[in-house]
Amino acid sequence: MATNTEYLQVTTTIDSEEQAQKLAQQIVERRLAACAQVVGPIISTYYWKGQVESAREWMCIAKTTQMKYPALEDAILRLHPYETPEVLATPIVAGSNAYLDWIAKELEIGTEPSE
């Protein structure tokens, strides 16, 4: 088991399964995440412009590295339809060496293609 905070799990939520899958596809194709999973639907309850809102959303969970995070965040913010999308990075403090090595390998293989 590796203990290293070089790796991150980055989450965002989006209002349709189709958009979540499209976002996941784009960030993986650009080698900003080695893997992106879509989970949902979920119900999110939050304050927005002074009111409590609830919405059905899908969560996109990306596995990446600290080095790739700035470009991943930028891509999510550019591709996301929300005015203020959730983009949260959580350090992966432990994990299997094989899986963490796989993340690193996949993110080193290519560079972000131009749009």
PDB file of N, CA and C in Angstrom:
ATOM      1  N   MET A   1       0.850  -1.179   0.000  1.00  0.00           N
ATOM      2  CA  MET A   1       0.000   0.000   0.000  1.00  0.00           C
ATOM      3  C   MET A   1       0.891   1.235   0.000  1.00  0.00           C
ATOM      4  N   ALA A   2       0.665   2.093  -0.967  1.00  0.00           N
ATOM      5  CA  ALA A   2       1.432   3.334  -1.046  1.00  0.00           C
ATOM      6  C   ALA A   2       0.764   4.402  -0.189  1.00  0.00           C
ATOM      7  N   THR A   3       1.576   5.224   0.439  1.00  0.00           N
ATOM      8  CA  THR A   3       1.048   6.380   1.164  1.00  0.00           C
ATOM      9  C   THR A   3       1.712   7.612   0.579  1.00  0.00           C
ATOM     10  N   ASN A   4       0.957   8.325  -0.237  1.00  0.00           N
ATOM     11  CA  ASN A   4       1.518   9.438  -0.974  1.00  0.00           C
ATOM     12  C   ASN A   4       0.383  10.370  -1.360  1.00  0.00           C
ATOM     13  N   THR A   5       0.539  11.655  -1.132  1.00  0.00           N
ATOM     14  CA  THR A   5      -0.529  12.590  -1.495  1.00  0.00           C
ATOM     15  C   THR A   5      -0.288  13.228  -2.863  1.00  0.00           C
ATOM     16  N   GLU A   6       0.545  12.613  -3.667  1.00  0.00           N
ATOM     17  CA  GLU A   6       0.756  13.078  -5.040  1.00  0.00           C
ATOM     18  C   GLU A   6      -0.501  12.860  -5.877  1.00  0.00           C
ATOM     19  N   TYR A   7      -1.346  11.924  -5.454  1.00  0.00           N
ATOM     20  CA  TYR A   7      -2.533  11.547  -6.214  1.00  0.00           C
ATOM     21  C   TYR A   7      -3.770  12.203  -5.624  1.00  0.00           C
ATOM     22  N   LEU A   8      -4.725  12.531  -6.513  1.00  0.00           N
ATOM     23  CA  LEU A   8      -5.956  13.213  -6.101  1.00  0.00           C
ATOM     24  C   LEU A   8      -7.170  12.520  -6.681  1.00  0.00           C
ATOM     25  N   GLN A   9      -8.270  12.665  -5.965  1.00  0.00           N
ATOM     26  CA  GLN A   9      -9.584  12.309  -6.480  1.00  0.00           C
ATOM     27  C   GLN A   9     -10.350  13.624  -6.580  1.00  0.00           C
ATOM     28  N   VAL A  10     -10.780  13.974  -7.770  1.00  0.00           N
ATOM     29  CA  VAL A  10     -11.427  15.262  -8.024  1.00  0.00           C
ATOM     30  C   VAL A  10     -12.887  15.007  -8.375  1.00  0.00           C
ATOM     31  N   THR A  11     -13.788  15.723  -7.693  1.00  0.00           N
ATOM     32  CA  THR A  11     -15.217  15.538  -7.949  1.00  0.00           C
ATOM     33  C   THR A  11     -15.859  16.815  -8.471  1.00  0.00           C
ATOM     34  N   THR A  12     -16.858  16.597  -9.300  1.00  0.00           N
ATOM     35  CA  THR A  12     -17.746  17.658  -9.745  1.00  0.00           C
ATOM     36  C   THR A  12     -19.120  17.024  -9.944  1.00  0.00           C
ATOM     37  N   THR A  13     -20.151  17.843  -9.916  1.00  0.00           N
ATOM     38  CA  THR A  13     -21.501  17.349 -10.189  1.00  0.00           C
ATOM     39  C   THR A  13     -22.067  18.137 -11.360  1.00  0.00           C
ATOM     40  N   ILE A  14     -22.986  17.494 -12.066  1.00  0.00           N
ATOM     41  CA  ILE A  14     -23.549  18.083 -13.275  1.00  0.00           C
ATOM     42  C   ILE A  14     -24.980  17.594 -13.432  1.00  0.00           C
ATOM     43  N   ASP A  15     -25.807  18.331 -14.150  1.00  0.00           N
ATOM     44  CA  ASP A  15     -27.253  18.079 -14.118  1.00  0.00           C
ATOM     45  C   ASP A  15     -27.790  17.019 -15.073  1.00  0.00           C
ATOM     46  N   SER A  16     -26.928  16.335 -15.828  1.00  0.00           N
ATOM     47  CA  SER A  16     -27.440  15.232 -16.648  1.00  0.00           C
ATOM     48  C   SER A  16     -26.381  14.146 -16.778  1.00  0.00           C
ATOM     49  N   GLU A  17     -26.841  12.921 -16.909  1.00  0.00           N
ATOM     50  CA  GLU A  17     -25.928  11.799 -17.075  1.00  0.00           C
ATOM     51  C   GLU A  17     -25.127  11.958 -18.362  1.00  0.00           C
ATOM     52  N   GLU A  18     -25.784  12.400 -19.419  1.00  0.00           N
ATOM     53  CA  GLU A  18     -25.114  12.587 -20.701  1.00  0.00           C
ATOM     54  C   GLU A  18     -23.967  13.599 -20.592  1.00  0.00           C
ATOM     55  N   GLN A  19     -24.212  14.722 -19.923  1.00  0.00           N
ATOM     56  CA  GLN A  19     -23.161  15.733 -19.761  1.00  0.00           C
ATOM     57  C   GLN A  19     -22.033  15.219 -18.872  1.00  0.00           C
ATOM     58  N   ALA A  20     -22.375  14.461 -17.835  1.00  0.00           N
ATOM     59  CA  ALA A  20     -21.343  13.896 -16.957  1.00  0.00           C
ATOM     60  C   ALA A  20     -20.461  12.922 -17.723  1.00  0.00           C
ATOM     61  N   GLN A  21     -21.071  12.073 -18.550  1.00  0.00           N
ATOM     62  CA  GLN A  21     -20.293  11.118 -19.333  1.00  0.00           C
ATOM     63  C   GLN A  21     -19.435  11.832 -20.374  1.00  0.00           C
ATOM     64  N   LYS A  22     -19.967  12.895 -20.955  1.00  0.00           N
ATOM     65  CA  LYS A  22     -19.201  13.676 -21.932  1.00  0.00           C
ATOM     66  C   LYS A  22     -17.999  14.338 -21.260  1.00  0.00           C
ATOM     67  N   LEU A  23     -18.209  14.912 -20.079  1.00  0.00           N
ATOM     68  CA  LEU A  23     -17.112  15.525 -19.336  1.00  0.00           C
ATOM     69  C   LEU A  23     -16.058  14.482 -18.991  1.00  0.00           C
ATOM     70  N   ALA A  24     -16.490  13.328 -18.485  1.00  0.00           N
ATOM     71  CA  ALA A  24     -15.562  12.250 -18.133  1.00  0.00           C
ATOM     72  C   ALA A  24     -14.735  11.843 -19.353  1.00  0.00           C
ATOM     73  N   GLN A  25     -15.381  11.667 -20.475  1.00  0.00           N
ATOM     74  CA  GLN A  25     -14.697  11.276 -21.717  1.00  0.00           C
ATOM     75  C   GLN A  25     -13.642  12.311 -22.108  1.00  0.00           C
ATOM     76  N   GLN A  26     -14.013  13.581 -22.041  1.00  0.00           N
ATOM     77  CA  GLN A  26     -13.091  14.635 -22.473  1.00  0.00           C
ATOM     78  C   GLN A  26     -11.870  14.747 -21.567  1.00  0.00           C
ATOM     79  N   ILE A  27     -12.056  14.646 -20.266  1.00  0.00           N
ATOM     80  CA  ILE A  27     -10.895  14.804 -19.384  1.00  0.00           C
ATOM     81  C   ILE A  27      -9.964  13.599 -19.443  1.00  0.00           C
ATOM     82  N   VAL A  28     -10.522  12.417 -19.712  1.00  0.00           N
ATOM     83  CA  VAL A  28      -9.670  11.230 -19.865  1.00  0.00           C
ATOM     84  C   VAL A  28      -8.949  11.288 -21.217  1.00  0.00           C
ATOM     85  N   GLU A  29      -9.649  11.655 -22.284  1.00  0.00           N
ATOM     86  CA  GLU A  29      -9.011  11.764 -23.597  1.00  0.00           C
ATOM     87  C   GLU A  29      -7.863  12.757 -23.582  1.00  0.00           C
ATOM     88  N   ARG A  30      -8.000  13.820 -22.805  1.00  0.00           N
ATOM     89  CA  ARG A  30      -6.959  14.852 -22.712  1.00  0.00           C
ATOM     90  C   ARG A  30      -5.837  14.472 -21.754  1.00  0.00           C
ATOM     91  N   ARG A  31      -5.922  13.289 -21.178  1.00  0.00           N
ATOM     92  CA  ARG A  31      -4.929  12.785 -20.224  1.00  0.00           C
ATOM     93  C   ARG A  31      -4.805  13.674 -18.998  1.00  0.00           C
ATOM     94  N   LEU A  32      -5.932  14.273 -18.587  1.00  0.00           N
ATOM     95  CA  LEU A  32      -5.968  15.056 -17.358  1.00  0.00           C
ATOM     96  C   LEU A  32      -6.379  14.180 -16.181  1.00  0.00           C
ATOM     97  N   ALA A  33      -7.004  13.061 -16.483  1.00  0.00           N
ATOM     98  CA  ALA A  33      -7.394  12.057 -15.487  1.00  0.00           C
ATOM     99  C   ALA A  33      -7.143  10.692 -16.102  1.00  0.00           C
ATOM    100  N   ALA A  34      -6.674   9.754 -15.291  1.00  0.00           N
ATOM    101  CA  ALA A  34      -6.462   8.391 -15.773  1.00  0.00           C
ATOM    102  C   ALA A  34      -7.787   7.646 -15.864  1.00  0.00           C
ATOM    103  N   CYS A  35      -8.737   8.058 -15.035  1.00  0.00           N
ATOM    104  CA  CYS A  35     -10.035   7.408 -14.943  1.00  0.00           C
ATOM    105  C   CYS A  35     -11.041   8.438 -14.466  1.00  0.00           C
ATOM    106  N   ALA A  36     -12.244   8.365 -14.984  1.00  0.00           N
ATOM    107  CA  ALA A  36     -13.325   9.213 -14.479  1.00  0.00           C
ATOM    108  C   ALA A  36     -14.580   8.359 -14.398  1.00  0.00           C
ATOM    109  N   GLN A  37     -15.190   8.361 -13.236  1.00  0.00           N
ATOM    110  CA  GLN A  37     -16.394   7.562 -13.005  1.00  0.00           C
ATOM    111  C   GLN A  37     -17.593   8.485 -12.869  1.00  0.00           C
ATOM    112  N   VAL A  38     -18.721   8.050 -13.400  1.00  0.00           N
ATOM    113  CA  VAL A  38     -19.974   8.783 -13.282  1.00  0.00           C
ATOM    114  C   VAL A  38     -20.890   8.002 -12.345  1.00  0.00           C
ATOM    115  N   VAL A  39     -21.372   8.679 -11.321  1.00  0.00           N
ATOM    116  CA  VAL A  39     -22.223   8.076 -10.307  1.00  0.00           C
ATOM    117  C   VAL A  39     -23.515   8.881 -10.237  1.00  0.00           C
ATOM    118  N   GLY A  40     -24.632   8.186 -10.156  1.00  0.00           N
ATOM    119  CA  GLY A  40     -25.872   8.926  -9.980  1.00  0.00           C
ATOM    120  C   GLY A  40     -27.065   8.142 -10.475  1.00  0.00           C
ATOM    121  N   PRO A  41     -28.181   8.750 -10.393  1.00  0.00           N
ATOM    122  CA  PRO A  41     -28.376  10.127  -9.961  1.00  0.00           C
ATOM    123  C   PRO A  41     -28.251  10.280  -8.437  1.00  0.00           C
ATOM    124  N   ILE A  42     -27.899  11.482  -8.037  1.00  0.00           N
ATOM    125  CA  ILE A  42     -27.864  11.865  -6.632  1.00  0.00           C
ATOM    126  C   ILE A  42     -28.752  13.093  -6.481  1.00  0.00           C
ATOM    127  N   ILE A  43     -29.169  13.380  -5.284  1.00  0.00           N
ATOM    128  CA  ILE A  43     -29.927  14.599  -5.012  1.00  0.00           C
ATOM    129  C   ILE A  43     -29.028  15.518  -4.201  1.00  0.00           C
ATOM    130  N   SER A  44     -28.780  16.694  -4.727  1.00  0.00           N
ATOM    131  CA  SER A  44     -27.967  17.697  -4.036  1.00  0.00           C
ATOM    132  C   SER A  44     -28.887  18.779  -3.484  1.00  0.00           C
ATOM    133  N   THR A  45     -28.649  19.174  -2.258  1.00  0.00           N
ATOM    134  CA  THR A  45     -29.378  20.274  -1.619  1.00  0.00           C
ATOM    135  C   THR A  45     -28.346  21.314  -1.223  1.00  0.00           C
ATOM    136  N   TYR A  46     -28.597  22.568  -1.597  1.00  0.00           N
ATOM    137  CA  TYR A  46     -27.583  23.603  -1.437  1.00  0.00           C
ATOM    138  C   TYR A  46     -28.230  24.991  -1.443  1.00  0.00           C
ATOM    139  N   TYR A  47     -27.490  25.964  -0.942  1.00  0.00           N
ATOM    140  CA  TYR A  47     -27.895  27.360  -1.056  1.00  0.00           C
ATOM    141  C   TYR A  47     -27.438  27.883  -2.404  1.00  0.00           C
ATOM    142  N   TRP A  48     -28.316  28.589  -3.104  1.00  0.00           N
ATOM    143  CA  TRP A  48     -27.948  29.231  -4.355  1.00  0.00           C
ATOM    144  C   TRP A  48     -28.716  30.543  -4.449  1.00  0.00           C
ATOM    145  N   LYS A  49     -27.960  31.629  -4.471  1.00  0.00           N
ATOM    146  CA  LYS A  49     -28.528  32.975  -4.574  1.00  0.00           C
ATOM    147  C   LYS A  49     -29.575  33.231  -3.494  1.00  0.00           C
ATOM    148  N   GLY A  50     -29.208  32.832  -2.254  1.00  0.00           N
ATOM    149  CA  GLY A  50     -30.036  33.116  -1.095  1.00  0.00           C
ATOM    150  C   GLY A  50     -31.183  32.164  -0.840  1.00  0.00           C
ATOM    151  N   GLN A  51     -31.311  31.124  -1.622  1.00  0.00           N
ATOM    152  CA  GLN A  51     -32.416  30.184  -1.453  1.00  0.00           C
ATOM    153  C   GLN A  51     -31.882  28.754  -1.365  1.00  0.00           C
ATOM    154  N   VAL A  52     -32.610  27.918  -0.634  1.00  0.00           N
ATOM    155  CA  VAL A  52     -32.278  26.495  -0.596  1.00  0.00           C
ATOM    156  C   VAL A  52     -32.867  25.849  -1.847  1.00  0.00           C
ATOM    157  N   GLU A  53     -32.012  25.159  -2.567  1.00  0.00           N
ATOM    158  CA  GLU A  53     -32.399  24.477  -3.804  1.00  0.00           C
ATOM    159  C   GLU A  53     -32.106  22.982  -3.661  1.00  0.00           C
ATOM    160  N   SER A  54     -32.786  22.184  -4.441  1.00  0.00           N
ATOM    161  CA  SER A  54     -32.477  20.759  -4.568  1.00  0.00           C
ATOM    162  C   SER A  54     -32.475  20.423  -6.042  1.00  0.00           C
ATOM    163  N   ALA A  55     -31.549  19.560  -6.437  1.00  0.00           N
ATOM    164  CA  ALA A  55     -31.452  19.184  -7.844  1.00  0.00           C
ATOM    165  C   ALA A  55     -30.968  17.745  -7.965  1.00  0.00           C
ATOM    166  N   ARG A  56     -31.422  17.108  -9.016  1.00  0.00           N
ATOM    167  CA  ARG A  56     -30.941  15.778  -9.368  1.00  0.00           C
ATOM    168  C   ARG A  56     -29.679  15.975 -10.209  1.00  0.00           C
ATOM    169  N   GLU A  57     -28.595  15.331  -9.783  1.00  0.00           N
ATOM    170  CA  GLU A  57     -27.315  15.503 -10.462  1.00  0.00           C
ATOM    171  C   GLU A  57     -26.589  14.166 -10.588  1.00  0.00           C
ATOM    172  N   TRP A  58     -25.520  14.181 -11.361  1.00  0.00           N
ATOM    173  CA  TRP A  58     -24.615  13.056 -11.496  1.00  0.00           C
ATOM    174  C   TRP A  58     -23.239  13.538 -11.065  1.00  0.00           C
ATOM    175  N   MET A  59     -22.526  12.689 -10.342  1.00  0.00           N
ATOM    176  CA  MET A  59     -21.197  13.027  -9.864  1.00  0.00           C
ATOM    177  C   MET A  59     -20.154  12.412 -10.788  1.00  0.00           C
ATOM    178  N   CYS A  60     -19.177  13.205 -11.140  1.00  0.00           N
ATOM    179  CA  CYS A  60     -18.052  12.749 -11.935  1.00  0.00           C
ATOM    180  C   CYS A  60     -16.833  12.753 -11.010  1.00  0.00           C
ATOM    181  N   ILE A  61     -16.192  11.602 -10.870  1.00  0.00           N
ATOM    182  CA  ILE A  61     -15.052  11.432  -9.967  1.00  0.00           C
ATOM    183  C   ILE A  61     -13.835  11.076 -10.817  1.00  0.00           C
ATOM    184  N   ALA A  62     -12.832  11.950 -10.799  1.00  0.00           N
ATOM    185  CA  ALA A  62     -11.639  11.767 -11.628  1.00  0.00           C
ATOM    186  C   ALA A  62     -10.437  11.423 -10.758  1.00  0.00           C
ATOM    187  N   LYS A  63      -9.599  10.504 -11.245  1.00  0.00           N
ATOM    188  CA  LYS A  63      -8.346  10.140 -10.573  1.00  0.00           C
ATOM    189  C   LYS A  63      -7.216  10.822 -11.327  1.00  0.00           C
ATOM    190  N   THR A  64      -6.411  11.615 -10.617  1.00  0.00           N
ATOM    191  CA  THR A  64      -5.362  12.379 -11.264  1.00  0.00           C
ATOM    192  C   THR A  64      -4.186  12.578 -10.317  1.00  0.00           C
ATOM    193  N   THR A  65      -3.259  13.444 -10.708  1.00  0.00           N
ATOM    194  CA  THR A  65      -2.100  13.767  -9.883  1.00  0.00           C
ATOM    195  C   THR A  65      -2.092  15.262  -9.573  1.00  0.00           C
ATOM    196  N   GLN A  66      -1.311  15.630  -8.577  1.00  0.00           N
ATOM    197  CA  GLN A  66      -1.151  17.048  -8.229  1.00  0.00           C
ATOM    198  C   GLN A  66      -0.686  17.844  -9.454  1.00  0.00           C
ATOM    199  N   MET A  67       0.222  17.280 -10.219  1.00  0.00           N
ATOM    200  CA  MET A  67       0.772  17.981 -11.374  1.00  0.00           C
ATOM    201  C   MET A  67      -0.305  18.280 -12.420  1.00  0.00           C
ATOM    202  N   LYS A  68      -1.230  17.360 -12.612  1.00  0.00           N
ATOM    203  CA  LYS A  68      -2.278  17.534 -13.628  1.00  0.00           C
ATOM    204  C   LYS A  68      -3.468  18.354 -13.125  1.00  0.00           C
ATOM    205  N   TYR A  69      -3.554  18.553 -11.800  1.00  0.00           N
ATOM    206  CA  TYR A  69      -4.738  19.204 -11.245  1.00  0.00           C
ATOM    207  C   TYR A  69      -5.034  20.582 -11.844  1.00  0.00           C
ATOM    208  N   PRO A  70      -4.081  21.497 -11.963  1.00  0.00           N
ATOM    209  CA  PRO A  70      -4.440  22.822 -12.498  1.00  0.00           C
ATOM    210  C   PRO A  70      -5.087  22.751 -13.884  1.00  0.00           C
ATOM    211  N   ALA A  71      -4.554  21.920 -14.757  1.00  0.00           N
ATOM    212  CA  ALA A  71      -5.138  21.790 -16.096  1.00  0.00           C
ATOM    213  C   ALA A  71      -6.496  21.101 -16.042  1.00  0.00           C
ATOM    214  N   LEU A  72      -6.656  20.129 -15.136  1.00  0.00           N
ATOM    215  CA  LEU A  72      -7.947  19.455 -14.977  1.00  0.00           C
ATOM    216  C   LEU A  72      -8.996  20.445 -14.478  1.00  0.00           C
ATOM    217  N   GLU A  73      -8.659  21.218 -13.459  1.00  0.00           N
ATOM    218  CA  GLU A  73      -9.607  22.211 -12.943  1.00  0.00           C
ATOM    219  C   GLU A  73      -9.993  23.195 -14.038  1.00  0.00           C
ATOM    220  N   ASP A  74      -9.026  23.676 -14.782  1.00  0.00           N
ATOM    221  CA  ASP A  74      -9.304  24.616 -15.864  1.00  0.00           C
ATOM    222  C   ASP A  74     -10.254  24.000 -16.894  1.00  0.00           C
ATOM    223  N   ALA A  75     -10.009  22.746 -17.264  1.00  0.00           N
ATOM    224  CA  ALA A  75     -10.870  22.078 -18.246  1.00  0.00           C
ATOM    225  C   ALA A  75     -12.286  21.914 -17.718  1.00  0.00           C
ATOM    226  N   ILE A  76     -12.428  21.507 -16.469  1.00  0.00           N
ATOM    227  CA  ILE A  76     -13.766  21.347 -15.890  1.00  0.00           C
ATOM    228  C   ILE A  76     -14.494  22.688 -15.904  1.00  0.00           C
ATOM    229  N   LEU A  77     -13.824  23.748 -15.495  1.00  0.00           N
ATOM    230  CA  LEU A  77     -14.462  25.068 -15.455  1.00  0.00           C
ATOM    231  C   LEU A  77     -14.859  25.540 -16.856  1.00  0.00           C
ATOM    232  N   ARG A  78     -14.062  25.237 -17.853  1.00  0.00           N
ATOM    233  CA  ARG A  78     -14.388  25.649 -19.230  1.00  0.00           C
ATOM    234  C   ARG A  78     -15.502  24.802 -19.840  1.00  0.00           C
ATOM    235  N   LEU A  79     -15.528  23.512 -19.525  1.00  0.00           N
ATOM    236  CA  LEU A  79     -16.489  22.603 -20.145  1.00  0.00           C
ATOM    237  C   LEU A  79     -17.823  22.528 -19.412  1.00  0.00           C
ATOM    238  N   HIS A  80     -17.850  22.945 -18.177  1.00  0.00           N
ATOM    239  CA  HIS A  80     -19.024  22.771 -17.314  1.00  0.00           C
ATOM    240  C   HIS A  80     -20.091  23.823 -17.613  1.00  0.00           C
ATOM    241  N   PRO A  81     -21.370  23.429 -17.642  1.00  0.00           N
ATOM    242  CA  PRO A  81     -22.424  24.398 -17.923  1.00  0.00           C
ATOM    243  C   PRO A  81     -22.830  25.276 -16.732  1.00  0.00           C
ATOM    244  N   TYR A  82     -22.432  24.919 -15.508  1.00  0.00           N
ATOM    245  CA  TYR A  82     -22.851  25.683 -14.328  1.00  0.00           C
ATOM    246  C   TYR A  82     -22.072  26.987 -14.215  1.00  0.00           C
ATOM    247  N   GLU A  83     -22.714  27.983 -13.640  1.00  0.00           N
ATOM    248  CA  GLU A  83     -22.061  29.263 -13.363  1.00  0.00           C
ATOM    249  C   GLU A  83     -20.933  29.089 -12.344  1.00  0.00           C
ATOM    250  N   THR A  84     -21.182  28.277 -11.314  1.00  0.00           N
ATOM    251  CA  THR A  84     -20.180  28.006 -10.273  1.00  0.00           C
ATOM    252  C   THR A  84     -20.149  26.503 -10.014  1.00  0.00           C
ATOM    253  N   PRO A  85     -19.423  25.750 -10.853  1.00  0.00           N
ATOM    254  CA  PRO A  85     -19.409  24.304 -10.659  1.00  0.00           C
ATOM    255  C   PRO A  85     -18.570  23.883  -9.454  1.00  0.00           C
ATOM    256  N   GLU A  86     -18.976  22.797  -8.858  1.00  0.00           N
ATOM    257  CA  GLU A  86     -18.170  22.157  -7.807  1.00  0.00           C
ATOM    258  C   GLU A  86     -16.920  21.574  -8.459  1.00  0.00           C
ATOM    259  N   VAL A  87     -15.771  21.898  -7.903  1.00  0.00           N
ATOM    260  CA  VAL A  87     -14.519  21.251  -8.278  1.00  0.00           C
ATOM    261  C   VAL A  87     -13.759  21.092  -6.974  1.00  0.00           C
ATOM    262  N   LEU A  88     -13.747  19.873  -6.445  1.00  0.00           N
ATOM    263  CA  LEU A  88     -13.103  19.589  -5.172  1.00  0.00           C
ATOM    264  C   LEU A  88     -12.058  18.500  -5.356  1.00  0.00           C
ATOM    265  N   ALA A  89     -10.856  18.748  -4.852  1.00  0.00           N
ATOM    266  CA  ALA A  89      -9.778  17.773  -4.934  1.00  0.00           C
ATOM    267  C   ALA A  89      -9.484  17.237  -3.537  1.00  0.00           C
ATOM    268  N   THR A  90      -9.493  15.931  -3.419  1.00  0.00           N
ATOM    269  CA  THR A  90      -9.194  15.259  -2.158  1.00  0.00           C
ATOM    270  C   THR A  90      -7.930  14.430  -2.345  1.00  0.00           C
ATOM    271  N   PRO A  91      -6.926  14.617  -1.484  1.00  0.00           N
ATOM    272  CA  PRO A  91      -5.722  13.792  -1.604  1.00  0.00           C
ATOM    273  C   PRO A  91      -6.047  12.317  -1.381  1.00  0.00           C
ATOM    274  N   ILE A  92      -5.432  11.486  -2.174  1.00  0.00           N
ATOM    275  CA  ILE A  92      -5.490  10.041  -1.953  1.00  0.00           C
ATOM    276  C   ILE A  92      -4.311   9.739  -1.039  1.00  0.00           C
ATOM    277  N   VAL A  93      -4.602   9.499   0.214  1.00  0.00           N
ATOM    278  CA  VAL A  93      -3.527   9.343   1.196  1.00  0.00           C
ATOM    279  C   VAL A  93      -2.956   7.930   1.250  1.00  0.00           C
ATOM    280  N   ALA A  94      -3.670   6.973   0.680  1.00  0.00           N
ATOM    281  CA  ALA A  94      -3.171   5.605   0.619  1.00  0.00           C
ATOM    282  C   ALA A  94      -3.907   4.875  -0.498  1.00  0.00           C
ATOM    283  N   GLY A  95      -3.242   3.909  -1.087  1.00  0.00           N
ATOM    284  CA  GLY A  95      -3.848   3.119  -2.144  1.00  0.00           C
ATOM    285  C   GLY A  95      -2.893   2.030  -2.580  1.00  0.00           C
ATOM    286  N   SER A  96      -3.380   1.129  -3.403  1.00  0.00           N
ATOM    287  CA  SER A  96      -2.512   0.046  -3.860  1.00  0.00           C
ATOM    288  C   SER A  96      -1.444   0.612  -4.787  1.00  0.00           C
ATOM    289  N   ASN A  97      -0.236   0.123  -4.624  1.00  0.00           N
ATOM    290  CA  ASN A  97       0.869   0.576  -5.474  1.00  0.00           C
ATOM    291  C   ASN A  97       0.553   0.386  -6.950  1.00  0.00           C
ATOM    292  N   ALA A  98      -0.026  -0.739  -7.289  1.00  0.00           N
ATOM    293  CA  ALA A  98      -0.312  -1.040  -8.691  1.00  0.00           C
ATOM    294  C   ALA A  98      -1.287  -0.017  -9.285  1.00  0.00           C
ATOM    295  N   TYR A  99      -2.333   0.331  -8.541  1.00  0.00           N
ATOM    296  CA  TYR A  99      -3.313   1.283  -9.057  1.00  0.00           C
ATOM    297  C   TYR A  99      -2.715   2.682  -9.172  1.00  0.00           C
ATOM    298  N   LEU A 100      -1.984   3.124  -8.151  1.00  0.00           N
ATOM    299  CA  LEU A 100      -1.378   4.446  -8.194  1.00  0.00           C
ATOM    300  C   LEU A 100      -0.326   4.529  -9.298  1.00  0.00           C
ATOM    301  N   ASP A 101       0.430   3.458  -9.496  1.00  0.00           N
ATOM    302  CA  ASP A 101       1.397   3.419 -10.598  1.00  0.00           C
ATOM    303  C   ASP A 101       0.686   3.509 -11.938  1.00  0.00           C
ATOM    304  N   TRP A 102      -0.470   2.849 -12.056  1.00  0.00           N
ATOM    305  CA  TRP A 102      -1.260   2.902 -13.285  1.00  0.00           C
ATOM    306  C   TRP A 102      -1.707   4.333 -13.565  1.00  0.00           C
ATOM    307  N   ILE A 103      -2.191   5.042 -12.541  1.00  0.00           N
ATOM    308  CA  ILE A 103      -2.593   6.446 -12.728  1.00  0.00           C
ATOM    309  C   ILE A 103      -1.416   7.250 -13.276  1.00  0.00           C
ATOM    310  N   ALA A 104      -0.268   7.132 -12.624  1.00  0.00           N
ATOM    311  CA  ALA A 104       0.916   7.890 -13.052  1.00  0.00           C
ATOM    312  C   ALA A 104       1.294   7.549 -14.496  1.00  0.00           C
ATOM    313  N   LYS A 105       1.288   6.277 -14.824  1.00  0.00           N
ATOM    314  CA  LYS A 105       1.666   5.843 -16.174  1.00  0.00           C
ATOM    315  C   LYS A 105       0.716   6.407 -17.221  1.00  0.00           C
ATOM    316  N   GLU A 106      -0.566   6.327 -16.971  1.00  0.00           N
ATOM    317  CA  GLU A 106      -1.546   6.809 -17.944  1.00  0.00           C
ATOM    318  C   GLU A 106      -1.455   8.317 -18.156  1.00  0.00           C
ATOM    319  N   LEU A 107      -1.115   9.039 -17.126  1.00  0.00           N
ATOM    320  CA  LEU A 107      -1.041  10.506 -17.246  1.00  0.00           C
ATOM    321  C   LEU A 107       0.279  10.969 -17.859  1.00  0.00           C
ATOM    322  N   GLU A 108       1.280  10.100 -17.883  1.00  0.00           N
ATOM    323  CA  GLU A 108       2.559  10.435 -18.506  1.00  0.00           C
ATOM    324  C   GLU A 108       2.588  10.106 -19.982  1.00  0.00           C
ATOM    325  N   ILE A 109       1.685   9.244 -20.438  1.00  0.00           N
ATOM    326  CA  ILE A 109       1.722   8.739 -21.812  1.00  0.00           C
ATOM    327  C   ILE A 109       1.514   9.838 -22.838  1.00  0.00           C
ATOM    328  N   GLY A 110       0.568  10.700 -22.613  1.00  0.00           N
ATOM    329  CA  GLY A 110       0.267  11.708 -23.604  1.00  0.00           C
ATOM    330  C   GLY A 110       0.243  13.092 -23.025  1.00  0.00           C
ATOM    331  N   THR A 111       0.035  14.026 -23.892  1.00  0.00           N
ATOM    332  CA  THR A 111      -0.144  15.401 -23.452  1.00  0.00           C
ATOM    333  C   THR A 111      -1.544  15.824 -23.816  1.00  0.00           C
ATOM    334  N   GLU A 112      -1.990  16.906 -23.225  1.00  0.00           N
ATOM    335  CA  GLU A 112      -3.343  17.386 -23.483  1.00  0.00           C
ATOM    336  C   GLU A 112      -3.453  17.819 -24.930  1.00  0.00           C
ATOM    337  N   PRO A 113      -4.367  17.195 -25.710  1.00  0.00           N
ATOM    338  CA  PRO A 113      -4.536  17.616 -27.096  1.00  0.00           C
ATOM    339  C   PRO A 113      -5.168  19.005 -27.145  1.00  0.00           C
ATOM    340  N   SER A 114      -4.902  19.695 -28.223  1.00  0.00           N
ATOM    341  CA  SER A 114      -5.532  21.010 -28.370  1.00  0.00           C
ATOM    342  C   SER A 114      -7.002  20.820 -28.691  1.00  0.00           C
ATOM    343  N   GLU A 115      -7.787  21.837 -28.389  1.00  0.00           N
ATOM    344  CA  GLU A 115      -9.237  21.741 -28.599  1.00  0.00           C
ATOM    345  C   GLU A 115      -9.605  21.985 -30.032  1.00  0.00           C
TER     346      GLU A 115
END
